């Protein structure tokens, strides 16, 4: 007899996969959009993502490092 301990992870994975398929099929976006190359870079054309939907935090500048070949001071 197969133990529940052996089968439970497989059942949980199958349930999560089925849930992912249901969520993706019911997302409600008929146009997946496409990426087009422009003179400024790349741009998403179409799709269900609006410019304000994805918020990217401002980058924090890295601390300065010692030039190569010179010992670090401090």
PDB file of N, CA and C in Angstrom:
ATOM      1  N   UNK A   1       0.841  -1.172   0.000  1.00  0.00           N
ATOM      2  CA  UNK A   1       0.000   0.000   0.000  1.00  0.00           C
ATOM      3  C   UNK A   1       0.896   1.248   0.000  1.00  0.00           C
ATOM      4  N   UNK A   2       0.512   2.217  -0.796  1.00  0.00           N
ATOM      5  CA  UNK A   2       1.276   3.459  -0.886  1.00  0.00           C
ATOM      6  C   UNK A   2       0.881   4.335   0.290  1.00  0.00           C
ATOM      7  N   UNK A   3       1.879   4.868   0.914  1.00  0.00           N
ATOM      8  CA  UNK A   3       1.605   5.711   2.083  1.00  0.00           C
ATOM      9  C   UNK A   3       1.104   7.087   1.664  1.00  0.00           C
ATOM     10  N   UNK A   4       0.331   7.688   2.512  1.00  0.00           N
ATOM     11  CA  UNK A   4      -0.186   9.030   2.268  1.00  0.00           C
ATOM     12  C   UNK A   4       0.953  10.027   2.140  1.00  0.00           C
ATOM     13  N   UNK A   5       2.036   9.794   2.866  1.00  0.00           N
ATOM     14  CA  UNK A   5       3.196  10.676   2.835  1.00  0.00           C
ATOM     15  C   UNK A   5       3.829  10.723   1.442  1.00  0.00           C
ATOM     16  N   UNK A   6       3.721   9.645   0.685  1.00  0.00           N
ATOM     17  CA  UNK A   6       4.287   9.578  -0.656  1.00  0.00           C
ATOM     18  C   UNK A   6       3.372  10.202  -1.698  1.00  0.00           C
ATOM     19  N   UNK A   7       2.080  10.106  -1.487  1.00  0.00           N
ATOM     20  CA  UNK A   7       1.112  10.554  -2.482  1.00  0.00           C
ATOM     21  C   UNK A   7       0.696  12.007  -2.269  1.00  0.00           C
ATOM     22  N   UNK A   8       0.710  12.494  -1.058  1.00  0.00           N
ATOM     23  CA  UNK A   8       0.218  13.839  -0.754  1.00  0.00           C
ATOM     24  C   UNK A   8       0.933  14.938  -1.541  1.00  0.00           C
ATOM     25  N   UNK A   9       2.275  14.921  -1.674  1.00  0.00           N
ATOM     26  CA  UNK A   9       2.915  15.980  -2.464  1.00  0.00           C
ATOM     27  C   UNK A   9       2.501  15.956  -3.936  1.00  0.00           C
ATOM     28  N   UNK A  10       2.299  14.767  -4.488  1.00  0.00           N
ATOM     29  CA  UNK A  10       1.869  14.670  -5.889  1.00  0.00           C
ATOM     30  C   UNK A  10       0.449  15.195  -6.077  1.00  0.00           C
ATOM     31  N   UNK A  11      -0.409  14.894  -5.138  1.00  0.00           N
ATOM     32  CA  UNK A  11      -1.793  15.386  -5.204  1.00  0.00           C
ATOM     33  C   UNK A  11      -1.810  16.908  -5.046  1.00  0.00           C
ATOM     34  N   UNK A  12      -1.010  17.429  -4.130  1.00  0.00           N
ATOM     35  CA  UNK A  12      -0.951  18.884  -3.936  1.00  0.00           C
ATOM     36  C   UNK A  12      -0.402  19.575  -5.175  1.00  0.00           C
ATOM     37  N   UNK A  13       0.637  19.007  -5.795  1.00  0.00           N
ATOM     38  CA  UNK A  13       1.199  19.608  -7.005  1.00  0.00           C
ATOM     39  C   UNK A  13       0.192  19.587  -8.149  1.00  0.00           C
ATOM     40  N   UNK A  14      -0.531  18.494  -8.300  1.00  0.00           N
ATOM     41  CA  UNK A  14      -1.544  18.411  -9.352  1.00  0.00           C
ATOM     42  C   UNK A  14      -2.658  19.428  -9.112  1.00  0.00           C
ATOM     43  N   UNK A  15      -3.056  19.616  -7.866  1.00  0.00           N
ATOM     44  CA  UNK A  15      -4.102  20.594  -7.551  1.00  0.00           C
ATOM     45  C   UNK A  15      -3.631  22.016  -7.835  1.00  0.00           C
ATOM     46  N   UNK A  16      -2.393  22.314  -7.476  1.00  0.00           N
ATOM     47  CA  UNK A  16      -1.861  23.650  -7.763  1.00  0.00           C
ATOM     48  C   UNK A  16      -1.741  23.888  -9.262  1.00  0.00           C
ATOM     49  N   UNK A  17      -1.324  22.879 -10.008  1.00  0.00           N
ATOM     50  CA  UNK A  17      -1.207  23.020 -11.453  1.00  0.00           C
ATOM     51  C   UNK A  17      -2.585  23.237 -12.084  1.00  0.00           C
ATOM     52  N   UNK A  18      -3.576  22.491 -11.630  1.00  0.00           N
ATOM     53  CA  UNK A  18      -4.932  22.674 -12.153  1.00  0.00           C
ATOM     54  C   UNK A  18      -5.441  24.076 -11.833  1.00  0.00           C
ATOM     55  N   UNK A  19      -5.157  24.555 -10.632  1.00  0.00           N
ATOM     56  CA  UNK A  19      -5.556  25.920 -10.278  1.00  0.00           C
ATOM     57  C   UNK A  19      -4.883  26.967 -11.137  1.00  0.00           C
ATOM     58  N   UNK A  20      -3.625  26.746 -11.468  1.00  0.00           N
ATOM     59  CA  UNK A  20      -2.910  27.688 -12.334  1.00  0.00           C
ATOM     60  C   UNK A  20      -3.517  27.714 -13.729  1.00  0.00           C
ATOM     61  N   UNK A  21      -3.869  26.557 -14.261  1.00  0.00           N
ATOM     62  CA  UNK A  21      -4.500  26.519 -15.586  1.00  0.00           C
ATOM     63  C   UNK A  21      -5.853  27.213 -15.580  1.00  0.00           C
ATOM     64  N   UNK A  22      -6.631  27.006 -14.546  1.00  0.00           N
ATOM     65  CA  UNK A  22      -7.944  27.659 -14.450  1.00  0.00           C
ATOM     66  C   UNK A  22      -7.775  29.171 -14.335  1.00  0.00           C
ATOM     67  N   UNK A  23      -6.828  29.620 -13.518  1.00  0.00           N
ATOM     68  CA  UNK A  23      -6.604  31.057 -13.354  1.00  0.00           C
ATOM     69  C   UNK A  23      -6.128  31.691 -14.661  1.00  0.00           C
ATOM     70  N   UNK A  24      -5.250  31.012 -15.377  1.00  0.00           N
ATOM     71  CA  UNK A  24      -4.745  31.565 -16.638  1.00  0.00           C
ATOM     72  C   UNK A  24      -5.827  31.599 -17.713  1.00  0.00           C
ATOM     73  N   UNK A  25      -6.665  30.583 -17.758  1.00  0.00           N
ATOM     74  CA  UNK A  25      -7.708  30.561 -18.786  1.00  0.00           C
ATOM     75  C   UNK A  25      -8.826  31.563 -18.492  1.00  0.00           C
ATOM     76  N   UNK A  26      -8.996  31.930 -17.233  1.00  0.00           N
ATOM     77  CA  UNK A  26     -10.034  32.894 -16.864  1.00  0.00           C
ATOM     78  C   UNK A  26      -9.482  34.288 -16.600  1.00  0.00           C
ATOM     79  N   UNK A  27      -8.298  34.576 -17.085  1.00  0.00           N
ATOM     80  CA  UNK A  27      -7.670  35.868 -16.822  1.00  0.00           C
ATOM     81  C   UNK A  27      -8.427  37.013 -17.480  1.00  0.00           C
ATOM     82  N   UNK A  28      -9.148  36.756 -18.544  1.00  0.00           N
ATOM     83  CA  UNK A  28      -9.983  37.778 -19.157  1.00  0.00           C
ATOM     84  C   UNK A  28      -9.245  38.706 -20.100  1.00  0.00           C
ATOM     85  N   UNK A  29      -8.138  38.283 -20.638  1.00  0.00           N
ATOM     86  CA  UNK A  29      -7.404  39.115 -21.582  1.00  0.00           C
ATOM     87  C   UNK A  29      -7.329  38.383 -22.911  1.00  0.00           C
ATOM     88  N   UNK A  30      -8.089  38.862 -23.899  1.00  0.00           N
ATOM     89  CA  UNK A  30      -8.109  38.207 -25.205  1.00  0.00           C
ATOM     90  C   UNK A  30      -6.877  38.548 -26.030  1.00  0.00           C
ATOM     91  N   UNK A  31      -6.276  39.717 -25.795  1.00  0.00           N
ATOM     92  CA  UNK A  31      -5.106  40.151 -26.561  1.00  0.00           C
ATOM     93  C   UNK A  31      -3.858  40.049 -25.685  1.00  0.00           C
ATOM     94  N   UNK A  32      -2.977  39.083 -25.947  1.00  0.00           N
ATOM     95  CA  UNK A  32      -1.790  38.949 -25.105  1.00  0.00           C
ATOM     96  C   UNK A  32      -0.776  40.067 -25.306  1.00  0.00           C
ATOM     97  N   UNK A  33      -0.888  40.817 -26.385  1.00  0.00           N
ATOM     98  CA  UNK A  33       0.060  41.896 -26.657  1.00  0.00           C
ATOM     99  C   UNK A  33       1.304  41.380 -27.347  1.00  0.00           C
ATOM    100  N   UNK A  34       2.153  42.312 -27.760  1.00  0.00           N
ATOM    101  CA  UNK A  34       3.403  41.941 -28.417  1.00  0.00           C
ATOM    102  C   UNK A  34       4.445  43.008 -28.130  1.00  0.00           C
ATOM    103  N   UNK A  35       5.695  42.634 -28.207  1.00  0.00           N
ATOM    104  CA  UNK A  35       6.800  43.552 -27.969  1.00  0.00           C
ATOM    105  C   UNK A  35       7.308  44.051 -29.320  1.00  0.00           C
ATOM    106  N   UNK A  36       7.383  45.363 -29.495  1.00  0.00           N
ATOM    107  CA  UNK A  36       7.904  45.951 -30.725  1.00  0.00           C
ATOM    108  C   UNK A  36       9.155  46.756 -30.411  1.00  0.00           C
ATOM    109  N   UNK A  37      10.100  46.697 -31.321  1.00  0.00           N
ATOM    110  CA  UNK A  37      11.334  47.466 -31.161  1.00  0.00           C
ATOM    111  C   UNK A  37      11.121  48.864 -31.729  1.00  0.00           C
ATOM    112  N   UNK A  38      11.474  49.874 -30.956  1.00  0.00           N
ATOM    113  CA  UNK A  38      11.374  51.260 -31.389  1.00  0.00           C
ATOM    114  C   UNK A  38      12.763  51.883 -31.340  1.00  0.00           C
ATOM    115  N   UNK A  39      12.868  53.142 -31.732  1.00  0.00           N
ATOM    116  CA  UNK A  39      14.167  53.809 -31.687  1.00  0.00           C
ATOM    117  C   UNK A  39      14.649  54.024 -30.251  1.00  0.00           C
ATOM    118  N   UNK A  40      13.717  54.044 -29.291  1.00  0.00           N
ATOM    119  CA  UNK A  40      14.071  54.235 -27.883  1.00  0.00           C
ATOM    120  C   UNK A  40      14.330  52.934 -27.147  1.00  0.00           C
ATOM    121  N   UNK A  41      14.023  51.799 -27.753  1.00  0.00           N
ATOM    122  CA  UNK A  41      14.175  50.509 -27.085  1.00  0.00           C
ATOM    123  C   UNK A  41      13.026  49.597 -27.483  1.00  0.00           C
ATOM    124  N   UNK A  42      12.373  48.997 -26.508  1.00  0.00           N
ATOM    125  CA  UNK A  42      11.258  48.102 -26.759  1.00  0.00           C
ATOM    126  C   UNK A  42       9.999  48.640 -26.105  1.00  0.00           C
ATOM    127  N   UNK A  43       8.838  48.300 -26.705  1.00  0.00           N
ATOM    128  CA  UNK A  43       7.571  48.793 -26.200  1.00  0.00           C
ATOM    129  C   UNK A  43       6.522  47.697 -26.312  1.00  0.00           C
ATOM    130  N   UNK A  44       5.694  47.553 -25.282  1.00  0.00           N
ATOM    131  CA  UNK A  44       4.592  46.600 -25.300  1.00  0.00           C
ATOM    132  C   UNK A  44       3.417  47.238 -26.022  1.00  0.00           C
ATOM    133  N   UNK A  45       2.926  46.556 -27.054  1.00  0.00           N
ATOM    134  CA  UNK A  45       1.793  47.045 -27.826  1.00  0.00           C
ATOM    135  C   UNK A  45       0.636  46.079 -27.617  1.00  0.00           C
ATOM    136  N   UNK A  46      -0.500  46.601 -27.205  1.00  0.00           N
ATOM    137  CA  UNK A  46      -1.663  45.764 -26.949  1.00  0.00           C
ATOM    138  C   UNK A  46      -1.574  45.135 -25.568  1.00  0.00           C
ATOM    139  N   UNK A  47      -2.346  44.099 -25.369  1.00  0.00           N
ATOM    140  CA  UNK A  47      -2.323  43.404 -24.092  1.00  0.00           C
ATOM    141  C   UNK A  47      -3.216  44.065 -23.066  1.00  0.00           C
ATOM    142  N   UNK A  48      -3.181  43.528 -21.867  1.00  0.00           N
ATOM    143  CA  UNK A  48      -4.049  44.003 -20.798  1.00  0.00           C
ATOM    144  C   UNK A  48      -3.290  44.743 -19.705  1.00  0.00           C
ATOM    145  N   UNK A  49      -2.031  45.064 -19.926  1.00  0.00           N
ATOM    146  CA  UNK A  49      -1.230  45.752 -18.921  1.00  0.00           C
ATOM    147  C   UNK A  49      -1.190  47.238 -19.264  1.00  0.00           C
ATOM    148  N   UNK A  50      -1.620  48.060 -18.331  1.00  0.00           N
ATOM    149  CA  UNK A  50      -1.575  49.508 -18.503  1.00  0.00           C
ATOM    150  C   UNK A  50      -0.255  50.036 -17.939  1.00  0.00           C
ATOM    151  N   UNK A  51       0.193  51.230 -18.367  1.00  0.00           N
ATOM    152  CA  UNK A  51       1.474  51.746 -17.891  1.00  0.00           C
ATOM    153  C   UNK A  51       1.597  51.838 -16.374  1.00  0.00           C
ATOM    154  N   UNK A  52       0.537  52.075 -15.630  1.00  0.00           N
ATOM    155  CA  UNK A  52       0.624  52.210 -14.185  1.00  0.00           C
ATOM    156  C   UNK A  52       0.472  50.908 -13.420  1.00  0.00           C
ATOM    157  N   UNK A  53       0.256  49.789 -14.122  1.00  0.00           N
ATOM    158  CA  UNK A  53       0.034  48.511 -13.444  1.00  0.00           C
ATOM    159  C   UNK A  53       1.300  47.950 -12.801  1.00  0.00           C
ATOM    160  N   UNK A  54       2.430  48.162 -13.414  1.00  0.00           N
ATOM    161  CA  UNK A  54       3.697  47.639 -12.895  1.00  0.00           C
ATOM    162  C   UNK A  54       4.521  48.813 -12.395  1.00  0.00           C
ATOM    163  N   UNK A  55       4.812  48.807 -11.110  1.00  0.00           N
ATOM    164  CA  UNK A  55       5.585  49.890 -10.506  1.00  0.00           C
ATOM    165  C   UNK A  55       6.993  49.369 -10.220  1.00  0.00           C
ATOM    166  N   UNK A  56       7.976  50.027 -10.804  1.00  0.00           N
ATOM    167  CA  UNK A  56       9.367  49.640 -10.599  1.00  0.00           C
ATOM    168  C   UNK A  56       9.989  50.637  -9.623  1.00  0.00           C
ATOM    169  N   UNK A  57      10.536  50.160  -8.507  1.00  0.00           N
ATOM    170  CA  UNK A  57      11.142  51.086  -7.549  1.00  0.00           C
ATOM    171  C   UNK A  57      12.400  51.730  -8.125  1.00  0.00           C
ATOM    172  N   UNK A  58      12.702  52.912  -7.633  1.00  0.00           N
ATOM    173  CA  UNK A  58      13.895  53.620  -8.101  1.00  0.00           C
ATOM    174  C   UNK A  58      15.133  52.832  -7.681  1.00  0.00           C
ATOM    175  N   UNK A  59      16.121  52.827  -8.546  1.00  0.00           N
ATOM    176  CA  UNK A  59      17.355  52.092  -8.270  1.00  0.00           C
ATOM    177  C   UNK A  59      18.186  52.840  -7.233  1.00  0.00           C
ATOM    178  N   UNK A  60      18.774  52.096  -6.332  1.00  0.00           N
ATOM    179  CA  UNK A  60      19.651  52.672  -5.321  1.00  0.00           C
ATOM    180  C   UNK A  60      21.081  52.585  -5.851  1.00  0.00           C
ATOM    181  N   UNK A  61      21.799  53.709  -5.925  1.00  0.00           N
ATOM    182  CA  UNK A  61      23.154  53.643  -6.477  1.00  0.00           C
ATOM    183  C   UNK A  61      24.071  52.823  -5.577  1.00  0.00           C
ATOM    184  N   UNK A  62      24.979  52.092  -6.200  1.00  0.00           N
ATOM    185  CA  UNK A  62      25.931  51.271  -5.455  1.00  0.00           C
ATOM    186  C   UNK A  62      26.985  52.168  -4.827  1.00  0.00           C
ATOM    187  N   UNK A  63      27.516  51.787  -3.669  1.00  0.00           N
ATOM    188  CA  UNK A  63      28.572  52.592  -3.049  1.00  0.00           C
ATOM    189  C   UNK A  63      29.832  52.563  -3.910  1.00  0.00           C
ATOM    190  N   UNK A  64      30.605  53.618  -3.895  1.00  0.00           N
ATOM    191  CA  UNK A  64      31.814  53.641  -4.720  1.00  0.00           C
ATOM    192  C   UNK A  64      32.817  52.586  -4.243  1.00  0.00           C
ATOM    193  N   UNK A  65      33.551  52.058  -5.192  1.00  0.00           N
ATOM    194  CA  UNK A  65      34.559  51.046  -4.870  1.00  0.00           C
ATOM    195  C   UNK A  65      35.940  51.583  -5.207  1.00  0.00           C
ATOM    196  N   UNK A  66      36.953  50.972  -4.638  1.00  0.00           N
ATOM    197  CA  UNK A  66      38.334  51.392  -4.903  1.00  0.00           C
ATOM    198  C   UNK A  66      38.712  50.983  -6.323  1.00  0.00           C
ATOM    199  N   UNK A  67      39.475  51.791  -7.035  1.00  0.00           N
ATOM    200  CA  UNK A  67      39.919  51.418  -8.371  1.00  0.00           C
ATOM    201  C   UNK A  67      40.757  50.133  -8.312  1.00  0.00           C
ATOM    202  N   UNK A  68      40.784  49.427  -9.421  1.00  0.00           N
ATOM    203  CA  UNK A  68      41.530  48.176  -9.497  1.00  0.00           C
ATOM    204  C   UNK A  68      43.028  48.452  -9.332  1.00  0.00           C
ATOM    205  N   UNK A  69      43.655  47.692  -8.498  1.00  0.00           N
ATOM    206  CA  UNK A  69      45.105  47.841  -8.300  1.00  0.00           C
ATOM    207  C   UNK A  69      45.467  48.697  -7.113  1.00  0.00           C
ATOM    208  N   UNK A  70      44.528  49.430  -6.540  1.00  0.00           N
ATOM    209  CA  UNK A  70      44.795  50.265  -5.374  1.00  0.00           C
ATOM    210  C   UNK A  70      44.173  49.624  -4.138  1.00  0.00           C
ATOM    211  N   UNK A  71      44.870  49.637  -3.023  1.00  0.00           N
ATOM    212  CA  UNK A  71      44.272  49.063  -1.810  1.00  0.00           C
ATOM    213  C   UNK A  71      43.115  49.930  -1.314  1.00  0.00           C
ATOM    214  N   UNK A  72      42.153  49.281  -0.724  1.00  0.00           N
ATOM    215  CA  UNK A  72      41.010  50.000  -0.179  1.00  0.00           C
ATOM    216  C   UNK A  72      41.437  50.766   1.066  1.00  0.00           C
ATOM    217  N   UNK A  73      40.931  51.994   1.200  1.00  0.00           N
ATOM    218  CA  UNK A  73      41.246  52.818   2.384  1.00  0.00           C
ATOM    219  C   UNK A  73      40.181  52.601   3.433  1.00  0.00           C
ATOM    220  N   UNK A  74      40.605  52.638   4.662  1.00  0.00           N
ATOM    221  CA  UNK A  74      39.582  52.553   5.672  1.00  0.00           C
ATOM    222  C   UNK A  74      39.942  51.732   6.783  1.00  0.00           C
TER     223      UNK A  74
END
